[in-house]
Amino acid sequence: MKLVRYLPALAIGFLLAQMILTLFGLASSYILGYLSAAADLNENGIQYLWLILHDVSLVFILSASVYLGYRKFFSQLPDDLFSSILIQLPIAYLCLYLLRPAYDLSSLATSASTISSLTASISVLLIYYICKGHRTSFQSN
């Protein structure tokens, strides 16, 4: 019966996956406009570095917000590695299996989708370890 306590973490994971898809859907219109307006766009253009930075920062901000919200509003539920994995699981499945990144880092254009997918597939775990390290540094002082 202890596994029932982890079901909200999985539900939050599905919510996070939907939120990331919605956010990227909303951002795609102005990103496409930005890329099409670039006069000197090639597959190694600096615009793709901005795209990578944009996508990674959106994923981290949203993942951190959802994870910290989970910790705040569900403080009675477990906050351990297993709950973080359950939160991460739907977005990792979505990014690594359904969207299938190319894993081709030969140009910035192909790197943008690969780096964004890989970052999204580990974002909650990274936030968890950052928070865990932050908590242990406060406990040691």
Protein backbone atom coordinates (compact mmCIF):
# COMPACT_ATOMS: atom_id res chain seq x y z
CA MET A 1 0.00 0.00 0.00
CA LYS A 2 3.00 2.32 0.25
CA LEU A 3 3.14 2.54 -3.55
CA VAL A 4 -0.22 4.33 -3.53
CA ARG A 5 1.54 7.30 -1.94
CA TYR A 6 3.58 7.65 -5.14
CA LEU A 7 0.61 7.88 -7.53
CA PRO A 8 0.33 11.69 -7.24
CA ALA A 9 3.96 11.94 -8.38
CA LEU A 10 3.11 9.99 -11.54
CA ALA A 11 0.02 12.19 -12.10
CA ILE A 12 2.20 15.29 -11.71
CA GLY A 13 4.56 13.75 -14.25
CA PHE A 14 1.76 13.42 -16.80
CA LEU A 15 0.74 17.00 -16.05
CA LEU A 16 4.32 18.17 -16.58
CA ALA A 17 4.53 16.33 -19.90
CA GLN A 18 1.34 18.01 -21.09
CA MET A 19 2.54 21.39 -19.88
CA ILE A 20 5.84 21.04 -21.74
CA LEU A 21 4.06 20.03 -24.95
CA THR A 22 1.66 22.96 -24.61
CA LEU A 23 4.48 25.39 -23.86
CA PHE A 24 6.50 24.27 -26.86
CA GLY A 25 3.39 24.46 -29.02
CA LEU A 26 2.80 28.05 -27.95
CA ALA A 27 6.46 28.98 -28.35
CA SER A 28 6.80 27.40 -31.77
CA SER A 29 5.02 30.22 -33.58
CA TYR A 30 7.36 32.98 -32.46
CA ILE A 31 10.44 30.73 -32.70
CA LEU A 32 9.52 29.84 -36.27
CA GLY A 33 9.04 33.53 -36.99
CA TYR A 34 12.45 34.29 -35.47
CA LEU A 35 14.18 31.62 -37.53
CA SER A 36 12.44 32.54 -40.77
CA ALA A 37 13.28 36.23 -40.29
CA ALA A 38 17.00 35.49 -40.03
CA ALA A 39 18.73 36.68 -43.18
CA ASP A 40 21.84 34.52 -42.93
CA LEU A 41 20.31 31.32 -41.56
CA ASN A 42 22.31 28.18 -42.24
CA GLU A 43 22.45 24.93 -40.34
CA ASN A 44 25.26 26.22 -38.11
CA GLY A 45 23.81 29.69 -37.56
CA ILE A 46 23.96 31.41 -34.21
CA GLN A 47 20.16 31.43 -34.15
CA TYR A 48 20.20 27.74 -33.28
CA LEU A 49 22.29 28.45 -30.19
CA TRP A 50 19.55 30.84 -29.08
CA LEU A 51 16.99 28.14 -29.83
CA ILE A 52 18.89 25.64 -27.66
CA LEU A 53 19.16 28.17 -24.83
CA HIS A 54 15.47 29.03 -25.17
CA ASP A 55 14.25 25.43 -25.11
CA VAL A 56 16.52 24.33 -22.27
CA SER A 57 15.62 27.31 -20.10
CA LEU A 58 11.87 26.78 -20.69
CA VAL A 59 12.16 23.12 -19.73
CA PHE A 60 14.19 23.84 -16.60
CA ILE A 61 11.95 26.66 -15.41
CA LEU A 62 8.80 24.62 -15.92
CA SER A 63 10.30 21.47 -14.39
CA ALA A 64 11.56 23.37 -11.37
CA SER A 65 8.19 25.05 -10.90
CA VAL A 66 6.31 21.78 -11.07
CA TYR A 67 8.75 19.90 -8.84
CA LEU A 68 8.90 22.63 -6.20
CA GLY A 69 5.11 22.94 -6.35
CA TYR A 70 4.84 19.19 -5.79
CA ARG A 71 7.12 19.47 -2.76
CA LYS A 72 5.16 22.40 -1.35
CA PHE A 73 1.58 21.25 -1.94
CA PHE A 74 2.16 17.53 -1.34
CA SER A 75 4.56 17.83 1.57
CA GLN A 76 3.01 14.83 3.31
CA LEU A 77 3.89 12.58 0.35
CA PRO A 78 7.37 11.11 -0.18
CA ASP A 79 10.00 13.35 -1.74
CA ASP A 80 12.72 10.93 -2.72
CA LEU A 81 14.46 9.65 -5.82
CA PHE A 82 11.61 7.28 -6.70
CA SER A 83 9.02 10.07 -6.68
CA SER A 84 11.33 12.18 -8.85
CA ILE A 85 11.71 9.30 -11.29
CA LEU A 86 7.93 8.93 -11.44
CA ILE A 87 7.56 12.65 -12.16
CA GLN A 88 10.26 12.38 -14.85
CA LEU A 89 8.99 9.15 -16.44
CA PRO A 90 6.20 10.51 -18.71
CA ILE A 91 8.33 13.31 -20.15
CA ALA A 92 11.29 10.96 -20.65
CA TYR A 93 9.04 8.51 -22.49
CA LEU A 94 7.65 11.31 -24.59
CA CYS A 95 11.03 12.83 -25.47
CA LEU A 96 13.07 9.68 -25.98
CA TYR A 97 10.58 7.22 -27.44
CA LEU A 98 7.75 9.12 -29.12
CA LEU A 99 9.65 12.13 -30.47
CA ARG A 100 12.89 10.18 -31.10
CA PRO A 101 15.70 12.71 -31.18
CA ALA A 102 18.20 12.28 -34.01
CA TYR A 103 21.30 12.13 -31.76
CA ASP A 104 23.09 13.89 -34.58
CA LEU A 105 25.34 16.64 -33.26
CA SER A 106 27.05 17.42 -36.56
CA SER A 107 25.28 20.78 -36.94
CA LEU A 108 23.57 23.22 -34.63
CA ALA A 109 20.23 22.71 -36.39
CA THR A 110 20.13 18.99 -35.58
CA SER A 111 21.73 19.54 -32.17
CA ALA A 112 18.89 21.83 -31.12
CA SER A 113 16.27 19.09 -31.12
CA THR A 114 18.60 16.49 -29.64
CA ILE A 115 19.79 18.69 -26.77
CA SER A 116 16.26 19.88 -26.03
CA SER A 117 14.92 16.32 -25.91
CA LEU A 118 17.74 15.01 -23.74
CA THR A 119 17.47 17.96 -21.36
CA ALA A 120 13.73 17.51 -21.02
CA SER A 121 14.17 13.80 -20.37
CA ILE A 122 16.40 14.41 -17.32
CA SER A 123 15.25 17.83 -16.13
CA VAL A 124 13.30 16.77 -13.03
CA LEU A 125 16.11 14.51 -11.86
CA LEU A 126 18.59 17.35 -12.23
CA ILE A 127 16.31 19.66 -10.25
CA TYR A 128 15.91 16.94 -7.60
CA TYR A 129 19.68 16.56 -7.21
CA ILE A 130 20.18 20.33 -7.09
CA CYS A 131 17.55 20.61 -4.34
CA LYS A 132 18.99 17.60 -2.52
CA GLY A 133 22.48 19.11 -2.58
CA HIS A 134 21.07 22.44 -1.46
CA ARG A 135 19.26 20.76 1.46
CA THR A 136 22.35 18.84 2.58
CA SER A 137 24.51 21.96 2.45
CA PHE A 138 22.06 23.71 4.77
CA GLN A 139 21.93 20.72 7.11
CA SER A 140 25.74 20.54 7.36
CA ASN A 141 26.03 24.24 8.34
